[in-house]
Every structure is written in structure tokens, then in C-alpha cells.
Amino acid sequence: MNRNKRQRQLNVDLSVLPTFTPLNACQIYHINRTTSPVLLQDLIELARKTTRFTIDTEHDYYTHQPALIQIEFIRRESVVLLIETCHLPYKSSVLFWLIQSLLKVILKSPHLIFSWGDAISELTNFIPCGLFPSNTIQQMNTIDIQHHFKEWYNKTFIHDCDLLPFEDDNLSCTCSHRPVKNKNDKWSLQKAIAYTFKEFLDKSRTKNNWSRHLDLKNIHQLSVTNKKENNVREHLILYAVNDCLAVTKLLMVLEFEWTKEQLQQYHETNQQ
């Protein structure tokens, strides 16, 4: 309970920052039992031409059931797939086979799979869905951005307290720019975006009914109740998509080894 309360308070505290802005525009596609076979074939071809992907997942807070796989095709204009694993077609259908084929192309080596945390561990929970076998995800070429971010941040934002400048995270640290005080603790994605880009990545929807159907085109009723529910769906979609786009934005900083001066230029440019 205390942890949940701290998370809610952190979300409130960070909400004063400008809203998170992705690097570029993106197209969103829902993958479920109503997805067009033609679209899946087009996505398979696009996946063959793409070499880098960001992956995240969501579990239903109430049932603990694996519910959503988000995959970003990292391109000039990104494509984000929302694979609704509680709303898939029959496993014996051609449509299910096409979804399997799409994931087989995406996850194959030498494609690079970026994530915030252990992607193999996250995807292992989805094996019962039948979309991919365990050997496929065990052979993925994965890079955990969460781990690399901490190394970059500590090297870029050194201590200015009584500790040595390049010392690891330490409980005696009093630096306001070093929120992680224990060397064994990990950065949250929300804090990483806030401290790097001074932007607010809203995490208020983390604990939610992710098993619900997110694909708005399949919701036809127009009652007030459903309008409110659709508004919730829109927020969940934005949350799910941004969880991939935020990792990709941090990836840019790590790959180009941005300095404090470059980050300051970014902030000044975006404030104009």
C-alpha cells in the first residue's frame, strides 16, 4: 500500500512537467480477431525491412492475465502494434497463423529487440497464448535499456555532494539530480524520462483492466456510458504506445552518448 501511495504521489509531483513528446509520429495498429489479413501481410513485409524494435507488455491488474504486447517498429515514422492477447482469433485460423508469422519475423535474430527490463522474462509469460514458442524468445537479440541507462546517467550526471564525482549510487548521496540512491535499485521509465528530458510520462493507468478490448473501431454503441469507457480506452492506448516510444527516445540518448550540454540544447529548443 505504501508503495502504491508513493507511486501515485510521484505521478502527481511529475505531472507539472510538460507532457512526454515522442521523437516522431507513429501509426498504431491493433492486432486481434478482427484484424485484416491484408494488413497482417503488409506488416510482415514491413517487419522484414525493419531491423530494430522496442517491446513492452501489460498484465491485467485484476486477473493477472497477460493481456497486451506492444511492439514498435523503429523507423523514421514508427509503427506500433498493440497485440491484444485476450482477443485473438482461433488458433486453428489463418488469421492466427499470420499473427504467429508476423511475430516470428520480428523476433528473429539478428533483429535488435530493445526493452525497459528483461524482454525475455516478460514475453515468457505470453507463451501459453501460442503466438511463439519458448525457443524463439530465448534466441532473441535483446538489449535492456534500463540497465544501460543507469550507467550512462551516472557517468553524465556525476555527484556534486560529499561523495567522489564518479562514485556509484550511495545512500549517503544528497544530490537532487541523483534520485536513485541505492546501487542495487533500478530506474523507473517515468523517472528516466523526467530527469533526462524534463517531461511527464503519465503512469496513472498502470494498474488497470488491460484485458478489455482496446480497438475502438469495434465499439459501436454510443451511449454515455460507452463514451466514458471509450475515453478510458483512448488513455490506455496512449499509455501503452508511449511505453514503447519512451524507451526508443532514451535509446537515442544512449546510442549517441548525449552530454549534459546536448540535453540542455534539447530543452531550450523545445521550450521555444
Protein backbone atom coordinates (compact mmCIF):
# COMPACT_ATOMS: atom_id res chain seq x y z
CA MET A 1 0.00 0.00 0.00
CA ASN A 2 2.80 2.39 0.87
CA ARG A 3 4.49 1.66 -2.45
CA ASN A 4 1.28 2.33 -4.37
CA LYS A 5 0.82 5.57 -2.46
CA ARG A 6 4.38 6.65 -3.26
CA GLN A 7 3.85 5.85 -6.95
CA ARG A 8 0.65 7.88 -7.06
CA GLN A 9 2.36 10.80 -5.34
CA LEU A 10 5.30 10.64 -7.75
CA ASN A 11 2.87 10.76 -10.66
CA VAL A 12 1.26 13.88 -9.17
CA ASP A 13 4.63 15.52 -8.48
CA LEU A 14 5.92 14.92 -12.02
CA SER A 15 2.67 15.98 -13.69
CA VAL A 16 3.79 19.63 -13.52
CA LEU A 17 6.32 18.87 -16.26
CA PRO A 18 5.49 19.21 -19.97
CA THR A 19 3.79 16.11 -21.39
CA PHE A 20 6.05 13.44 -22.90
CA THR A 21 6.73 14.01 -26.60
CA PRO A 22 7.90 11.10 -28.82
CA LEU A 23 10.76 11.51 -31.26
CA ASN A 24 8.45 11.20 -34.25
CA ALA A 25 4.92 10.43 -35.33
CA CYS A 26 3.66 6.87 -35.30
CA GLN A 27 0.91 4.70 -36.75
CA ILE A 28 -0.94 2.40 -34.35
CA TYR A 29 -2.37 -0.98 -35.37
CA HIS A 30 -4.48 -3.27 -33.19
CA ILE A 31 -3.83 -6.96 -33.63
CA ASN A 32 -6.83 -9.06 -32.64
CA ARG A 33 -9.51 -11.34 -34.09
CA THR A 34 -10.83 -8.56 -36.36
CA THR A 35 -7.50 -7.55 -37.92
CA SER A 36 -7.45 -7.68 -41.70
CA PRO A 37 -5.30 -10.49 -43.21
CA VAL A 38 -4.11 -7.98 -45.82
CA LEU A 39 -2.85 -5.66 -43.07
CA LEU A 40 -1.00 -8.52 -41.39
CA GLN A 41 0.67 -9.44 -44.68
CA ASP A 42 1.73 -5.81 -45.13
CA LEU A 43 3.10 -5.72 -41.58
CA ILE A 44 5.08 -8.91 -42.20
CA GLU A 45 6.71 -7.27 -45.22
CA LEU A 46 7.44 -4.13 -43.19
CA ALA A 47 8.93 -6.23 -40.38
CA ARG A 48 11.30 -7.84 -42.88
CA LYS A 49 12.54 -4.35 -43.82
CA THR A 50 12.95 -3.25 -40.19
CA THR A 51 15.90 -4.24 -38.03
CA ARG A 52 15.15 -2.60 -34.67
CA PHE A 53 12.11 -2.97 -32.43
CA THR A 54 11.05 -1.89 -28.95
CA ILE A 55 8.87 -4.26 -26.92
CA ASP A 56 6.77 -3.88 -23.78
CA THR A 57 3.92 -5.87 -22.22
CA GLU A 58 0.96 -5.36 -19.90
CA HIS A 59 -0.83 -7.70 -17.49
CA ASP A 60 -4.39 -7.26 -16.31
CA TYR A 61 -4.26 -5.86 -12.78
CA TYR A 62 -7.34 -7.75 -11.62
CA THR A 63 -6.88 -11.19 -13.21
CA HIS A 64 -3.04 -11.08 -13.51
CA GLN A 65 -3.56 -12.46 -17.01
CA PRO A 66 -1.05 -11.46 -19.73
CA ALA A 67 -3.11 -9.08 -21.85
CA LEU A 68 -1.11 -6.90 -24.22
CA ILE A 69 2.14 -6.94 -26.19
CA GLN A 70 3.30 -3.59 -27.56
CA ILE A 71 5.88 -3.61 -30.36
CA GLU A 72 7.35 -0.53 -32.01
CA PHE A 73 8.97 -0.77 -35.43
CA ILE A 74 11.73 1.82 -35.02
CA ARG A 75 11.61 3.77 -38.27
CA ARG A 76 11.51 7.40 -39.45
CA GLU A 77 7.77 7.13 -38.89
CA SER A 78 7.31 4.47 -36.25
CA VAL A 79 4.69 1.76 -36.34
CA VAL A 80 3.33 0.46 -33.03
CA LEU A 81 1.45 -2.82 -32.77
CA LEU A 82 -0.93 -3.45 -29.88
CA ILE A 83 -1.38 -7.23 -29.77
CA GLU A 84 -4.49 -7.85 -27.68
CA THR A 85 -3.80 -11.37 -26.45
CA CYS A 86 -7.21 -11.73 -24.75
CA HIS A 87 -8.94 -11.09 -28.09
CA LEU A 88 -7.04 -13.27 -30.55
CA PRO A 89 -8.64 -15.37 -33.31
CA TYR A 90 -9.00 -19.15 -33.03
CA LYS A 91 -5.63 -20.90 -33.03
CA SER A 92 -6.72 -23.02 -35.99
CA SER A 93 -7.46 -19.97 -38.15
CA VAL A 94 -5.39 -18.48 -40.96
CA LEU A 95 -5.51 -15.16 -39.13
CA PHE A 96 -3.81 -16.66 -36.06
CA TRP A 97 -1.15 -18.20 -38.30
CA LEU A 98 -0.49 -14.80 -39.86
CA ILE A 99 -0.05 -13.22 -36.40
CA GLN A 100 2.37 -16.02 -35.50
CA SER A 101 4.26 -15.40 -38.76
CA LEU A 102 4.48 -11.68 -38.02
CA LEU A 103 5.99 -12.29 -34.58
CA LYS A 104 8.37 -14.89 -35.96
CA VAL A 105 9.79 -12.28 -38.35
CA ILE A 106 10.00 -9.58 -35.67
CA LEU A 107 11.68 -11.71 -33.00
CA LYS A 108 14.19 -13.49 -35.19
CA SER A 109 17.92 -12.78 -34.90
CA PRO A 110 19.73 -10.58 -35.96
CA HIS A 111 16.89 -8.12 -35.30
CA LEU A 112 17.57 -5.99 -32.22
CA ILE A 113 14.89 -6.02 -29.55
CA PHE A 114 15.05 -3.13 -27.08
CA SER A 115 13.15 -3.07 -23.80
CA TRP A 116 12.98 -1.46 -20.36
CA GLY A 117 13.77 -4.54 -18.29
CA ASP A 118 14.14 -8.17 -19.31
CA ALA A 119 12.17 -8.72 -22.54
CA ILE A 120 12.68 -12.48 -22.47
CA SER A 121 11.22 -12.70 -18.98
CA GLU A 122 8.24 -10.54 -19.96
CA LEU A 123 7.45 -12.47 -23.15
CA THR A 124 7.81 -15.83 -21.39
CA ASN A 125 4.52 -15.09 -19.63
CA PHE A 126 2.81 -14.97 -23.05
CA ILE A 127 3.96 -18.41 -24.27
CA PRO A 128 0.60 -20.02 -23.33
CA CYS A 129 -1.06 -17.68 -25.84
CA GLY A 130 0.53 -19.79 -28.59
CA LEU A 131 1.96 -16.85 -30.54
CA PHE A 132 5.57 -18.03 -30.28
CA PRO A 133 7.49 -20.97 -28.76
CA SER A 134 9.97 -20.58 -25.90
CA ASN A 135 12.99 -21.25 -28.13
CA THR A 136 12.07 -18.23 -30.29
CA ILE A 137 12.24 -15.75 -27.41
CA GLN A 138 15.29 -17.42 -25.88
CA GLN A 139 17.17 -16.75 -29.13
CA MET A 140 16.13 -13.07 -29.40
CA ASN A 141 18.86 -10.46 -29.67
CA THR A 142 17.73 -8.30 -26.73
CA ILE A 143 19.15 -5.14 -25.17
CA ASP A 144 17.92 -3.98 -21.76
CA ILE A 145 17.87 -0.18 -21.95
CA GLN A 146 17.08 0.12 -18.25
CA HIS A 147 20.48 -1.27 -17.31
CA HIS A 148 22.42 0.82 -19.84
CA PHE A 149 20.55 3.99 -18.91
CA LYS A 150 21.75 3.85 -15.31
CA GLU A 151 25.37 3.54 -16.45
CA TRP A 152 25.03 6.50 -18.84
CA TYR A 153 23.20 8.69 -16.34
CA ASN A 154 25.72 8.18 -13.54
CA LYS A 155 28.58 8.88 -15.91
CA THR A 156 26.92 12.02 -17.28
CA PHE A 157 25.45 13.42 -14.05
CA ILE A 158 28.23 12.98 -11.54
CA HIS A 159 27.95 13.62 -7.80
CA ASP A 160 28.30 17.17 -6.53
CA CYS A 161 27.82 16.19 -2.88
CA ASP A 162 30.44 14.85 -0.46
CA LEU A 163 30.87 11.65 -2.46
CA LEU A 164 33.54 11.24 -5.11
CA PRO A 165 32.25 12.54 -8.50
CA PHE A 166 32.10 9.16 -10.25
CA GLU A 167 31.13 7.03 -7.26
CA ASP A 168 28.20 4.62 -7.63
CA ASP A 169 24.75 5.32 -6.25
CA ASN A 170 25.04 5.61 -2.50
CA LEU A 171 22.54 6.00 0.34
CA SER A 172 24.54 8.95 1.70
CA CYS A 173 24.18 10.88 -1.59
CA THR A 174 22.39 14.22 -1.22
CA CYS A 175 22.39 15.23 -4.90
CA SER A 176 18.93 16.35 -6.06
CA HIS A 177 19.78 15.25 -9.62
CA ARG A 178 20.53 11.67 -8.47
CA PRO A 179 17.15 10.27 -7.35
CA VAL A 180 18.39 6.67 -7.25
CA LYS A 181 20.37 6.34 -4.02
CA ASN A 182 20.98 2.59 -3.80
CA LYS A 183 23.37 0.99 -6.26
CA ASN A 184 21.08 -2.06 -6.45
CA ASP A 185 17.96 -0.05 -7.27
CA LYS A 186 16.71 0.41 -10.83
CA TRP A 187 15.39 3.49 -12.59
CA SER A 188 11.72 3.56 -13.46
CA LEU A 189 10.90 4.57 -17.02
CA GLN A 190 8.89 7.51 -15.72
CA LYS A 191 11.81 8.89 -13.69
CA ALA A 192 14.24 8.34 -16.55
CA ILE A 193 12.08 10.45 -18.89
CA ALA A 194 11.55 13.11 -16.21
CA TYR A 195 15.22 13.52 -15.27
CA THR A 196 16.55 13.23 -18.83
CA PHE A 197 14.02 15.21 -20.87
CA LYS A 198 12.11 17.07 -18.13
CA GLU A 199 8.90 15.51 -19.47
CA PHE A 200 5.96 13.81 -17.80
CA LEU A 201 5.25 10.20 -18.75
CA ASP A 202 1.88 9.52 -17.17
CA LYS A 203 1.81 6.21 -15.27
CA SER A 204 -1.57 6.63 -13.60
CA ARG A 205 -3.06 3.86 -15.77
CA THR A 206 -0.53 1.16 -14.85
CA LYS A 207 -2.87 -0.91 -12.67
CA ASN A 208 -5.83 -1.39 -14.94
CA ASN A 209 -8.16 -3.75 -16.76
CA TRP A 210 -5.82 -4.41 -19.66
CA SER A 211 -7.90 -7.40 -20.76
CA ARG A 212 -10.60 -5.12 -22.14
CA HIS A 213 -10.92 -4.67 -25.90
CA LEU A 214 -8.86 -1.60 -26.84
CA ASP A 215 -9.70 -1.49 -30.53
CA LEU A 216 -12.10 1.45 -30.77
CA LYS A 217 -13.31 0.58 -34.26
CA ASN A 218 -15.06 -2.46 -32.78
CA ILE A 219 -17.06 -0.41 -30.28
CA HIS A 220 -20.35 0.61 -31.88
CA GLN A 221 -22.62 1.69 -29.01
CA LEU A 222 -22.88 5.43 -28.48
CA SER A 223 -24.42 5.62 -25.00
CA VAL A 224 -22.94 7.98 -22.41
CA THR A 225 -21.53 5.01 -20.52
CA ASN A 226 -19.71 3.72 -23.57
CA LYS A 227 -18.39 7.17 -24.41
CA LYS A 228 -16.80 7.28 -20.98
CA GLU A 229 -15.44 3.78 -21.47
CA ASN A 230 -14.03 4.74 -24.86
CA ASN A 231 -12.29 7.68 -23.23
CA VAL A 232 -10.64 5.23 -20.85
CA ARG A 233 -9.61 3.07 -23.82
CA GLU A 234 -8.04 6.08 -25.55
CA HIS A 235 -5.97 6.82 -22.45
CA LEU A 236 -4.88 3.19 -22.18
CA ILE A 237 -3.84 3.14 -25.83
CA LEU A 238 -1.78 6.29 -25.35
CA TYR A 239 -0.20 4.81 -22.23
CA ALA A 240 0.69 1.55 -23.98
CA VAL A 241 2.12 3.25 -27.06
CA ASN A 242 4.15 5.77 -25.05
CA ASP A 243 5.77 2.99 -23.03
CA CYS A 244 7.49 1.89 -26.25
CA LEU A 245 8.15 5.35 -27.65
CA ALA A 246 9.73 6.49 -24.35
CA VAL A 247 12.23 3.62 -24.41
CA THR A 248 13.13 4.47 -28.00
CA LYS A 249 13.65 8.12 -27.07
CA LEU A 250 16.06 7.14 -24.29
CA LEU A 251 17.78 4.76 -26.70
CA MET A 252 18.70 7.75 -28.88
CA VAL A 253 20.45 9.43 -25.94
CA LEU A 254 22.41 6.28 -25.11
CA GLU A 255 23.45 5.48 -28.67
CA PHE A 256 24.74 8.99 -29.34
CA GLU A 257 26.08 9.35 -25.78
CA TRP A 258 24.48 12.72 -25.26
CA THR A 259 26.21 15.11 -22.88
CA LYS A 260 24.59 17.47 -20.39
CA GLU A 261 25.18 20.27 -22.89
CA GLN A 262 23.30 18.42 -25.63
CA LEU A 263 20.40 17.76 -23.28
CA GLN A 264 20.33 21.43 -22.35
CA GLN A 265 20.17 22.36 -26.03
CA TYR A 266 17.28 19.92 -26.45
CA HIS A 267 15.40 21.52 -23.55
CA GLU A 268 15.99 25.05 -24.83
CA THR A 269 14.88 24.12 -28.35
CA ASN A 270 11.67 22.50 -27.12
CA GLN A 271 10.82 25.43 -24.85
CA GLN A 272 10.79 27.88 -27.73
